[in-house]
Amino acid sequence: MTVSSAESDHYYVVAGSFLEEARANSHLQTMSGAGYAKVQIVRFPNSPYFSVCVDKFNNRREADAFKRQLEREKIDAFVRAVAKTQ
């Protein structure tokens, strides 16, 4: 699986962050198998973690709504914003 760099000016819904890429890949396969087609592994700026991102959005409101949907499905998640680069 390819690891992507976080794009600026986006909101990522993260369902797990791992120091080991193999563990991130395993979680990615689990999320993909559960039907989340847009799931990917992302490295955020200045972070040592491999983050399993279920989706990304252009605005916070949409990202928060998707996070709540995941939580209703008993999936822990949080929203990570990546600031616009100058």
C-alpha atoms as a PDB file:
ATOM      1  CA  MET A   1       0.000   0.000   0.000  1.00  0.00           C
ATOM      2  CA  THR A   2       1.222   3.480  -0.843  1.00  0.00           C
ATOM      3  CA  VAL A   3       1.706   6.020   1.907  1.00  0.00           C
ATOM      4  CA  SER A   4       0.584   9.512   0.893  1.00  0.00           C
ATOM      5  CA  SER A   5       1.652  12.888   2.205  1.00  0.00           C
ATOM      6  CA  ALA A   6      -1.116  15.000   3.680  1.00  0.00           C
ATOM      7  CA  GLU A   7      -2.495  17.631   1.336  1.00  0.00           C
ATOM      8  CA  SER A   8      -2.781  21.165   2.654  1.00  0.00           C
ATOM      9  CA  ASP A   9      -6.144  22.806   3.246  1.00  0.00           C
ATOM     10  CA  HIS A  10      -7.980  19.531   3.923  1.00  0.00           C
ATOM     11  CA  TYR A  11      -9.666  17.843   6.883  1.00  0.00           C
ATOM     12  CA  TYR A  12      -8.838  14.166   7.346  1.00  0.00           C
ATOM     13  CA  VAL A  13     -10.978  11.711   9.289  1.00  0.00           C
ATOM     14  CA  VAL A  14      -8.449   9.455  11.027  1.00  0.00           C
ATOM     15  CA  ALA A  15      -9.443   6.027  12.358  1.00  0.00           C
ATOM     16  CA  GLY A  16      -6.044   5.050  13.731  1.00  0.00           C
ATOM     17  CA  SER A  17      -2.407   6.142  13.890  1.00  0.00           C
ATOM     18  CA  PHE A  18       0.505   3.723  14.175  1.00  0.00           C
ATOM     19  CA  LEU A  19       4.270   3.965  14.536  1.00  0.00           C
ATOM     20  CA  GLU A  20       4.691   0.766  12.524  1.00  0.00           C
ATOM     21  CA  GLU A  21       3.639   0.843   8.872  1.00  0.00           C
ATOM     22  CA  ALA A  22       2.690  -2.859   8.991  1.00  0.00           C
ATOM     23  CA  ARG A  23       0.114  -2.196  11.717  1.00  0.00           C
ATOM     24  CA  ALA A  24      -1.303   0.706   9.707  1.00  0.00           C
ATOM     25  CA  ASN A  25      -1.568  -1.545   6.652  1.00  0.00           C
ATOM     26  CA  SER A  26      -3.414  -4.162   8.696  1.00  0.00           C
ATOM     27  CA  HIS A  27      -5.908  -1.572   9.956  1.00  0.00           C
ATOM     28  CA  LEU A  28      -6.284  -0.186   6.434  1.00  0.00           C
ATOM     29  CA  GLN A  29      -7.239  -3.673   5.195  1.00  0.00           C
ATOM     30  CA  THR A  30      -9.816  -3.970   7.988  1.00  0.00           C
ATOM     31  CA  MET A  31     -11.374  -0.611   7.122  1.00  0.00           C
ATOM     32  CA  SER A  32     -11.309  -1.379   3.401  1.00  0.00           C
ATOM     33  CA  GLY A  33     -12.985  -4.720   4.062  1.00  0.00           C
ATOM     34  CA  ALA A  34     -15.696  -2.882   6.008  1.00  0.00           C
ATOM     35  CA  GLY A  35     -16.542  -0.952   2.833  1.00  0.00           C
ATOM     36  CA  TYR A  36     -14.572   2.281   3.202  1.00  0.00           C
ATOM     37  CA  ALA A  37     -13.280   2.638  -0.358  1.00  0.00           C
ATOM     38  CA  LYS A  38     -11.408   5.928   0.161  1.00  0.00           C
ATOM     39  CA  VAL A  39      -9.288   4.706   3.080  1.00  0.00           C
ATOM     40  CA  GLN A  40      -5.581   5.483   2.781  1.00  0.00           C
ATOM     41  CA  ILE A  41      -2.442   5.760   4.882  1.00  0.00           C
ATOM     42  CA  VAL A  42      -1.270   9.348   5.293  1.00  0.00           C
ATOM     43  CA  ARG A  43       1.832  10.881   6.875  1.00  0.00           C
ATOM     44  CA  PHE A  44       1.111  14.294   8.363  1.00  0.00           C
ATOM     45  CA  PRO A  45       3.768  17.013   8.515  1.00  0.00           C
ATOM     46  CA  ASN A  46       6.148  16.602  11.471  1.00  0.00           C
ATOM     47  CA  SER A  47       4.493  13.349  12.577  1.00  0.00           C
ATOM     48  CA  PRO A  48       6.188   9.960  12.986  1.00  0.00           C
ATOM     49  CA  TYR A  49       2.826   8.168  12.637  1.00  0.00           C
ATOM     50  CA  PHE A  50       1.234   6.289   9.762  1.00  0.00           C
ATOM     51  CA  SER A  51      -2.364   7.508   9.987  1.00  0.00           C
ATOM     52  CA  VAL A  52      -5.250   5.483   8.574  1.00  0.00           C
ATOM     53  CA  CYS A  53      -7.538   8.096   7.044  1.00  0.00           C
ATOM     54  CA  VAL A  54     -11.001   6.951   6.084  1.00  0.00           C
ATOM     55  CA  ASP A  55     -11.769  10.048   4.003  1.00  0.00           C
ATOM     56  CA  LYS A  56     -10.789  13.694   3.522  1.00  0.00           C
ATOM     57  CA  PHE A  57     -12.913  16.788   3.103  1.00  0.00           C
ATOM     58  CA  ASN A  58     -12.600  20.420   2.069  1.00  0.00           C
ATOM     59  CA  ASN A  59     -14.442  21.701   5.140  1.00  0.00           C
ATOM     60  CA  ARG A  60     -14.632  20.891   8.835  1.00  0.00           C
ATOM     61  CA  ARG A  61     -18.416  20.505   8.956  1.00  0.00           C
ATOM     62  CA  GLU A  62     -18.418  17.608   6.469  1.00  0.00           C
ATOM     63  CA  ALA A  63     -15.459  15.953   8.213  1.00  0.00           C
ATOM     64  CA  ASP A  64     -17.160  16.202  11.620  1.00  0.00           C
ATOM     65  CA  ALA A  65     -20.403  14.758  10.205  1.00  0.00           C
ATOM     66  CA  PHE A  66     -18.505  11.778   8.769  1.00  0.00           C
ATOM     67  CA  LYS A  67     -16.662  11.278  12.068  1.00  0.00           C
ATOM     68  CA  ARG A  68     -20.022  11.113  13.878  1.00  0.00           C
ATOM     69  CA  GLN A  69     -21.227   8.535  11.334  1.00  0.00           C
ATOM     70  CA  LEU A  70     -18.176   6.383  12.083  1.00  0.00           C
ATOM     71  CA  GLU A  71     -18.763   6.718  15.818  1.00  0.00           C
ATOM     72  CA  ARG A  72     -22.359   5.508  15.366  1.00  0.00           C
ATOM     73  CA  GLU A  73     -20.800   2.442  13.721  1.00  0.00           C
ATOM     74  CA  LYS A  74     -18.554   2.010  16.822  1.00  0.00           C
ATOM     75  CA  ILE A  75     -15.395   3.178  15.008  1.00  0.00           C
ATOM     76  CA  ASP A  76     -13.187   5.571  16.986  1.00  0.00           C
ATOM     77  CA  ALA A  77     -12.065   8.492  14.850  1.00  0.00           C
ATOM     78  CA  PHE A  78     -10.915  12.091  14.990  1.00  0.00           C
ATOM     79  CA  VAL A  79     -10.570  14.953  12.535  1.00  0.00           C
ATOM     80  CA  ARG A  80      -7.093  16.236  11.666  1.00  0.00           C
ATOM     81  CA  ALA A  81      -6.812  19.560   9.843  1.00  0.00           C
ATOM     82  CA  VAL A  82      -3.876  20.337   7.601  1.00  0.00           C
ATOM     83  CA  ALA A  83      -3.382  24.072   7.242  1.00  0.00           C
ATOM     84  CA  LYS A  84      -3.103  25.801   3.915  1.00  0.00           C
ATOM     85  CA  THR A  85       0.509  26.335   2.952  1.00  0.00           C
ATOM     86  CA  GLN A  86       1.575  29.842   2.053  1.00  0.00           C
END
